[in-house]
Amino acid sequence: MKDSLKILSAMADDTRLKILECLLSGERCVCEIIPCTKRKQSTVSIQLATLERAGILKSRRDGKKIFYRITDPRVCDVFKALEDD
């Protein structure tokens, strides 16, 4: 239960939800995530770090670019449960 609360708490932010929604289709570079959120790069970086600390995302570096992906399948399940029919 504690782990589920941590995930839901991390998702309880508009910017973080937009980031996760952007990543539902797969791994993306930060430069691709920023336009999805319509926020400044610094704001997106802070929120990505929050999601990574919560264990929802993983990052990898490829040269100068950092790529993020969702690692917890429960996050995708939450989005599926909230989809409009």
N, C-alpha and C. Protein backbone atom coordinates (compact mmCIF):
# COMPACT_ATOMS: atom_id res chain seq x y z
N MET A 1 0.82 -1.19 0.00
CA MET A 1 0.00 0.00 0.00
C MET A 1 0.87 1.26 0.00
N LYS A 2 1.97 1.23 0.75
CA LYS A 2 2.85 2.39 0.84
C LYS A 2 3.46 2.73 -0.51
N ASP A 3 3.81 1.70 -1.28
CA ASP A 3 4.39 1.89 -2.61
C ASP A 3 3.37 2.51 -3.56
N SER A 4 2.13 2.07 -3.49
CA SER A 4 1.06 2.63 -4.32
C SER A 4 0.83 4.09 -3.98
N LEU A 5 0.87 4.42 -2.72
CA LEU A 5 0.68 5.80 -2.29
C LEU A 5 1.81 6.68 -2.83
N LYS A 6 3.02 6.17 -2.84
CA LYS A 6 4.17 6.92 -3.36
C LYS A 6 3.98 7.22 -4.84
N ILE A 7 3.49 6.24 -5.60
CA ILE A 7 3.27 6.42 -7.03
C ILE A 7 2.16 7.44 -7.28
N LEU A 8 1.03 7.29 -6.59
CA LEU A 8 -0.08 8.22 -6.77
C LEU A 8 0.30 9.64 -6.35
N SER A 9 1.06 9.75 -5.30
CA SER A 9 1.52 11.06 -4.84
C SER A 9 2.41 11.72 -5.89
N ALA A 10 3.30 10.93 -6.49
CA ALA A 10 4.20 11.46 -7.52
C ALA A 10 3.42 11.88 -8.77
N MET A 11 2.31 11.22 -9.02
CA MET A 11 1.50 11.54 -10.20
C MET A 11 0.57 12.72 -9.96
N ALA A 12 0.46 13.16 -8.74
CA ALA A 12 -0.51 14.21 -8.37
C ALA A 12 0.01 15.62 -8.67
N ASP A 13 0.42 15.82 -9.90
CA ASP A 13 0.91 17.13 -10.33
C ASP A 13 0.66 17.23 -11.83
N ASP A 14 0.17 18.36 -12.27
CA ASP A 14 -0.19 18.55 -13.68
C ASP A 14 1.01 18.32 -14.61
N THR A 15 2.14 18.89 -14.28
CA THR A 15 3.33 18.75 -15.14
C THR A 15 3.80 17.31 -15.17
N ARG A 16 3.82 16.65 -14.02
CA ARG A 16 4.26 15.25 -13.98
C ARG A 16 3.30 14.36 -14.76
N LEU A 17 2.00 14.64 -14.69
CA LEU A 17 1.03 13.87 -15.47
C LEU A 17 1.27 14.04 -16.97
N LYS A 18 1.56 15.26 -17.40
CA LYS A 18 1.84 15.51 -18.81
C LYS A 18 3.11 14.78 -19.25
N ILE A 19 4.11 14.76 -18.39
CA ILE A 19 5.35 14.04 -18.69
C ILE A 19 5.04 12.56 -18.88
N LEU A 20 4.32 11.99 -17.94
CA LEU A 20 4.00 10.56 -18.01
C LEU A 20 3.15 10.24 -19.24
N GLU A 21 2.21 11.11 -19.53
CA GLU A 21 1.37 10.90 -20.72
C GLU A 21 2.22 10.91 -21.99
N CYS A 22 3.20 11.78 -22.02
CA CYS A 22 4.12 11.87 -23.15
C CYS A 22 4.96 10.60 -23.28
N LEU A 23 5.28 9.99 -22.16
CA LEU A 23 6.15 8.80 -22.15
C LEU A 23 5.37 7.49 -22.32
N LEU A 24 4.05 7.55 -22.34
CA LEU A 24 3.26 6.33 -22.50
C LEU A 24 3.58 5.60 -23.80
N SER A 25 3.94 6.35 -24.82
CA SER A 25 4.24 5.74 -26.12
C SER A 25 5.67 5.23 -26.22
N GLY A 26 6.48 5.46 -25.19
CA GLY A 26 7.84 4.94 -25.19
C GLY A 26 8.86 5.98 -24.75
N GLU A 27 10.11 5.56 -24.79
CA GLU A 27 11.22 6.39 -24.34
C GLU A 27 11.32 7.67 -25.16
N ARG A 28 11.64 8.77 -24.48
CA ARG A 28 11.81 10.06 -25.14
C ARG A 28 12.95 10.84 -24.51
N CYS A 29 13.54 11.67 -25.33
CA CYS A 29 14.58 12.60 -24.89
C CYS A 29 13.91 13.78 -24.18
N VAL A 30 14.64 14.42 -23.28
CA VAL A 30 14.12 15.59 -22.59
C VAL A 30 13.66 16.64 -23.60
N CYS A 31 14.40 16.79 -24.70
CA CYS A 31 14.04 17.79 -25.70
C CYS A 31 12.68 17.48 -26.35
N GLU A 32 12.23 16.25 -26.29
CA GLU A 32 10.91 15.88 -26.81
C GLU A 32 9.83 16.01 -25.74
N ILE A 33 10.22 15.92 -24.49
CA ILE A 33 9.26 16.00 -23.38
C ILE A 33 8.85 17.44 -23.11
N ILE A 34 9.78 18.36 -23.22
CA ILE A 34 9.51 19.77 -22.91
C ILE A 34 8.31 20.32 -23.69
N PRO A 35 8.22 20.12 -25.02
CA PRO A 35 7.05 20.64 -25.74
C PRO A 35 5.72 20.00 -25.30
N CYS A 36 5.76 18.77 -24.83
CA CYS A 36 4.54 18.10 -24.35
C CYS A 36 3.98 18.80 -23.11
N THR A 37 4.85 19.37 -22.32
CA THR A 37 4.43 19.97 -21.05
C THR A 37 4.13 21.46 -21.16
N LYS A 38 4.71 22.11 -22.16
CA LYS A 38 4.60 23.57 -22.31
C LYS A 38 5.14 24.29 -21.07
N ARG A 39 6.20 23.72 -20.52
CA ARG A 39 6.87 24.30 -19.35
C ARG A 39 8.33 24.56 -19.69
N LYS A 40 9.00 25.32 -18.83
CA LYS A 40 10.43 25.60 -19.02
C LYS A 40 11.24 24.33 -18.77
N GLN A 41 12.42 24.30 -19.36
CA GLN A 41 13.31 23.14 -19.23
C GLN A 41 13.64 22.87 -17.76
N SER A 42 13.88 23.91 -17.00
CA SER A 42 14.23 23.73 -15.59
C SER A 42 13.09 23.08 -14.81
N THR A 43 11.86 23.49 -15.09
CA THR A 43 10.69 22.91 -14.43
C THR A 43 10.55 21.44 -14.78
N VAL A 44 10.70 21.13 -16.06
CA VAL A 44 10.59 19.74 -16.52
C VAL A 44 11.67 18.88 -15.87
N SER A 45 12.88 19.39 -15.80
CA SER A 45 13.98 18.63 -15.18
C SER A 45 13.70 18.31 -13.72
N ILE A 46 13.17 19.27 -13.00
CA ILE A 46 12.84 19.07 -11.58
C ILE A 46 11.78 17.98 -11.45
N GLN A 47 10.75 18.04 -12.30
CA GLN A 47 9.67 17.06 -12.22
C GLN A 47 10.13 15.67 -12.67
N LEU A 48 11.02 15.61 -13.66
CA LEU A 48 11.58 14.32 -14.07
C LEU A 48 12.36 13.69 -12.92
N ALA A 49 13.12 14.50 -12.20
CA ALA A 49 13.88 14.00 -11.06
C ALA A 49 12.95 13.46 -9.97
N THR A 50 11.84 14.14 -9.75
CA THR A 50 10.85 13.68 -8.76
C THR A 50 10.30 12.32 -9.16
N LEU A 51 9.95 12.17 -10.43
CA LEU A 51 9.41 10.89 -10.92
C LEU A 51 10.45 9.79 -10.86
N GLU A 52 11.70 10.14 -11.12
CA GLU A 52 12.77 9.14 -11.05
C GLU A 52 13.01 8.70 -9.60
N ARG A 53 13.00 9.64 -8.68
CA ARG A 53 13.17 9.30 -7.25
C ARG A 53 12.03 8.41 -6.75
N ALA A 54 10.85 8.59 -7.31
CA ALA A 54 9.69 7.79 -6.91
C ALA A 54 9.74 6.38 -7.52
N GLY A 55 10.70 6.14 -8.40
CA GLY A 55 10.85 4.82 -9.01
C GLY A 55 9.94 4.59 -10.20
N ILE A 56 9.36 5.67 -10.72
CA ILE A 56 8.44 5.56 -11.84
C ILE A 56 9.17 5.61 -13.17
N LEU A 57 10.25 6.38 -13.22
CA LEU A 57 11.03 6.55 -14.44
C LEU A 57 12.46 6.09 -14.26
N LYS A 58 13.09 5.75 -15.38
CA LYS A 58 14.53 5.50 -15.44
C LYS A 58 15.07 6.39 -16.54
N SER A 59 16.32 6.79 -16.38
CA SER A 59 16.95 7.61 -17.41
C SER A 59 18.22 6.93 -17.91
N ARG A 60 18.59 7.30 -19.13
CA ARG A 60 19.88 6.85 -19.67
C ARG A 60 20.43 7.99 -20.51
N ARG A 61 21.74 8.07 -20.51
CA ARG A 61 22.42 9.11 -21.27
C ARG A 61 22.95 8.52 -22.56
N ASP A 62 22.75 9.28 -23.65
CA ASP A 62 23.31 8.91 -24.94
C ASP A 62 23.97 10.17 -25.48
N GLY A 63 25.27 10.26 -25.30
CA GLY A 63 25.98 11.49 -25.65
C GLY A 63 25.55 12.60 -24.73
N LYS A 64 25.06 13.68 -25.32
CA LYS A 64 24.61 14.83 -24.51
C LYS A 64 23.13 14.74 -24.15
N LYS A 65 22.42 13.80 -24.75
CA LYS A 65 20.99 13.68 -24.52
C LYS A 65 20.68 12.70 -23.40
N ILE A 66 19.63 13.00 -22.65
CA ILE A 66 19.14 12.10 -21.61
C ILE A 66 17.75 11.63 -22.02
N PHE A 67 17.57 10.33 -21.99
CA PHE A 67 16.29 9.72 -22.37
C PHE A 67 15.62 9.16 -21.13
N TYR A 68 14.30 9.28 -21.09
CA TYR A 68 13.51 8.78 -19.96
C TYR A 68 12.49 7.78 -20.47
N ARG A 69 12.17 6.82 -19.60
CA ARG A 69 11.13 5.84 -19.90
C ARG A 69 10.43 5.45 -18.62
N ILE A 70 9.16 5.05 -18.75
CA ILE A 70 8.38 4.59 -17.61
C ILE A 70 8.82 3.16 -17.29
N THR A 71 9.11 2.91 -16.02
CA THR A 71 9.56 1.57 -15.62
C THR A 71 8.54 0.82 -14.78
N ASP A 72 7.57 1.54 -14.26
CA ASP A 72 6.56 0.90 -13.42
C ASP A 72 5.28 0.71 -14.22
N PRO A 73 4.92 -0.52 -14.57
CA PRO A 73 3.73 -0.76 -15.40
C PRO A 73 2.43 -0.29 -14.74
N ARG A 74 2.42 -0.13 -13.44
CA ARG A 74 1.21 0.34 -12.76
C ARG A 74 0.83 1.75 -13.19
N VAL A 75 1.83 2.54 -13.60
CA VAL A 75 1.55 3.89 -14.08
C VAL A 75 0.71 3.82 -15.35
N CYS A 76 1.08 2.94 -16.25
CA CYS A 76 0.30 2.76 -17.48
C CYS A 76 -1.10 2.26 -17.16
N ASP A 77 -1.21 1.39 -16.16
CA ASP A 77 -2.52 0.88 -15.74
C ASP A 77 -3.42 2.01 -15.23
N VAL A 78 -2.86 2.97 -14.51
CA VAL A 78 -3.63 4.10 -14.01
C VAL A 78 -4.19 4.90 -15.18
N PHE A 79 -3.35 5.16 -16.18
CA PHE A 79 -3.82 5.90 -17.35
C PHE A 79 -4.90 5.13 -18.11
N LYS A 80 -4.73 3.82 -18.23
CA LYS A 80 -5.74 3.00 -18.90
C LYS A 80 -7.06 3.05 -18.14
N ALA A 81 -7.00 3.01 -16.83
CA ALA A 81 -8.21 3.03 -16.02
C ALA A 81 -8.94 4.37 -16.14
N LEU A 82 -8.20 5.43 -16.42
CA LEU A 82 -8.80 6.76 -16.50
C LEU A 82 -9.21 7.17 -17.91
N GLU A 83 -8.94 6.32 -18.90
CA GLU A 83 -9.27 6.65 -20.28
C GLU A 83 -10.78 6.83 -20.45
N ASP A 84 -11.13 7.78 -21.31
CA ASP A 84 -12.54 7.97 -21.67
C ASP A 84 -12.90 6.97 -22.76
N ASP A 85 -14.07 6.39 -22.66
CA ASP A 85 -14.53 5.44 -23.69
C ASP A 85 -15.16 6.18 -24.83
